Amino acid sequence: MSKNNRKQTDELTALRDKLNKATRKKDYYTVVEACLEIIALEQRTKNLGIIAPLYHKDLGEGYLKLLEYEKAVESLNTAREGLIKYRATHKLKYPEDWLAEIYAIEKLIHRIEKTHLR
């Protein structure tokens, strides 16, 4: 593993730890910050295998907890579209992989739009 790749892997590990700690503490500002940093890292480096739509989902949930409904819907739509694209372009272990996650995201988007964005 190259030195640069090792540095990026360490950065990803630190960001995931930051995200997990913030989620446990219900510190949603830090959740949003960590998700944005992980998504930016994924944009810089494609070789780490980061599944960005999952972090867009976490980002959307963080925005929802911060009562930023428009940003939440935008992030959740990005997550939904990303998972659909991931299913279409990657080899799946099972045909139903990610379908439950996509369905849960769609339900959450619908609920936000129905109750908060009228």
Protein backbone atom coordinates (compact mmCIF):
# COMPACT_ATOMS: atom_id res chain seq x y z
CA MET A 1 0.00 0.00 0.00
CA SER A 2 1.42 3.34 -0.98
CA LYS A 3 2.08 6.01 1.60
CA ASN A 4 -0.60 8.28 0.11
CA ASN A 5 -3.17 5.47 0.03
CA ARG A 6 -2.38 4.62 3.67
CA LYS A 7 -2.85 8.27 4.63
CA GLN A 8 -6.24 8.36 2.89
CA THR A 9 -7.31 5.12 4.57
CA ASP A 10 -6.32 6.54 7.96
CA GLU A 11 -8.26 9.73 7.18
CA LEU A 12 -11.35 7.68 6.28
CA THR A 13 -11.05 5.64 9.48
CA ALA A 14 -10.78 8.81 11.58
CA LEU A 15 -13.79 10.36 9.83
CA ARG A 16 -15.88 7.21 10.33
CA ASP A 17 -14.95 7.21 14.03
CA LYS A 18 -15.93 10.89 14.24
CA LEU A 19 -19.27 10.10 12.56
CA ASN A 20 -19.98 7.13 14.83
CA LYS A 21 -19.17 9.08 18.01
CA ALA A 22 -21.29 12.03 16.90
CA THR A 23 -24.20 9.73 16.06
CA ARG A 24 -24.03 8.08 19.49
CA LYS A 25 -23.88 11.49 21.20
CA LYS A 26 -26.69 12.82 18.95
CA ASP A 27 -24.41 15.69 17.93
CA TYR A 28 -26.03 16.25 14.55
CA TYR A 29 -23.90 19.26 13.59
CA THR A 30 -20.85 17.00 13.82
CA VAL A 31 -22.71 14.22 11.97
CA VAL A 32 -23.34 16.61 9.07
CA GLU A 33 -19.73 17.83 9.15
CA ALA A 34 -18.30 14.28 9.16
CA CYS A 35 -20.58 13.16 6.32
CA LEU A 36 -19.59 16.15 4.19
CA GLU A 37 -15.91 15.40 4.84
CA ILE A 38 -16.32 11.72 3.91
CA ILE A 39 -18.21 12.64 0.73
CA ALA A 40 -15.43 15.11 -0.18
CA LEU A 41 -12.82 12.38 0.46
CA GLU A 42 -14.74 10.03 -1.83
CA GLN A 43 -14.69 12.69 -4.56
CA ARG A 44 -10.90 13.04 -4.21
CA THR A 45 -10.14 9.31 -4.07
CA LYS A 46 -12.14 6.68 -5.87
CA ASN A 47 -9.85 3.80 -4.84
CA LEU A 48 -11.04 3.51 -1.22
CA GLY A 49 -14.37 1.91 -2.12
CA ILE A 50 -16.47 4.44 -0.24
CA ILE A 51 -20.18 3.97 -0.95
CA ALA A 52 -21.06 7.67 -0.94
CA PRO A 53 -24.86 7.20 -1.08
CA LEU A 54 -24.79 5.75 2.43
CA TYR A 55 -23.15 8.92 3.72
CA HIS A 56 -25.64 11.04 1.78
CA LYS A 57 -28.34 9.12 3.68
CA ASP A 58 -26.65 9.83 7.01
CA LEU A 59 -26.26 13.46 5.93
CA GLY A 60 -29.97 13.68 5.12
CA GLU A 61 -30.89 12.19 8.48
CA GLY A 62 -28.58 14.67 10.21
CA TYR A 63 -30.21 17.57 8.39
CA LEU A 64 -33.61 16.19 9.35
CA LYS A 65 -32.64 16.18 13.03
CA LEU A 66 -31.44 19.78 12.62
CA LEU A 67 -34.84 20.66 11.10
CA GLU A 68 -33.29 21.60 7.75
CA TYR A 69 -35.94 19.81 5.70
CA GLU A 70 -35.01 21.01 2.19
CA LYS A 71 -31.38 19.95 2.66
CA ALA A 72 -32.57 16.65 4.14
CA VAL A 73 -34.74 15.86 1.11
CA GLU A 74 -31.96 16.89 -1.27
CA SER A 75 -29.42 14.61 0.46
CA LEU A 76 -31.87 11.72 0.70
CA ASN A 77 -32.73 12.02 -3.00
CA THR A 78 -29.00 11.97 -3.80
CA ALA A 79 -28.64 8.84 -1.64
CA ARG A 80 -31.60 7.16 -3.34
CA GLU A 81 -30.31 7.93 -6.84
CA GLY A 82 -26.80 6.85 -5.87
CA LEU A 83 -27.97 3.49 -4.52
CA ILE A 84 -30.06 2.87 -7.64
CA LYS A 85 -26.98 3.64 -9.78
CA TYR A 86 -24.80 1.45 -7.52
CA ARG A 87 -27.23 -1.46 -7.97
CA ALA A 88 -27.12 -0.99 -11.75
CA THR A 89 -23.34 -0.74 -12.07
CA HIS A 90 -21.94 -3.14 -9.44
CA LYS A 91 -22.09 -6.88 -9.06
CA LEU A 92 -24.51 -7.72 -6.25
CA LYS A 93 -24.27 -10.71 -3.98
CA TYR A 94 -28.07 -11.00 -3.85
CA PRO A 95 -30.65 -9.55 -6.28
CA GLU A 96 -32.44 -7.71 -3.48
CA ASP A 97 -29.31 -5.95 -2.18
CA TRP A 98 -30.00 -2.32 -1.26
CA LEU A 99 -33.72 -2.53 -2.06
CA ALA A 100 -34.77 -2.24 1.59
CA GLU A 101 -32.44 0.75 2.03
CA ILE A 102 -33.86 2.45 -1.08
CA TYR A 103 -37.42 1.80 0.12
CA ALA A 104 -36.65 3.23 3.59
CA ILE A 105 -35.15 6.36 2.00
CA GLU A 106 -38.21 6.80 -0.23
CA LYS A 107 -40.54 6.48 2.78
CA LEU A 108 -38.53 9.05 4.72
CA ILE A 109 -38.55 11.50 1.79
CA HIS A 110 -42.31 11.07 1.42
CA ARG A 111 -42.86 11.63 5.14
CA ILE A 112 -40.75 14.80 5.18
CA GLU A 113 -42.47 16.20 2.09
CA LYS A 114 -45.92 15.35 3.44
CA THR A 115 -45.45 16.79 6.92
CA HIS A 116 -42.88 19.57 6.58
CA LEU A 117 -42.73 20.80 2.99
CA ARG A 118 -46.29 21.73 2.08
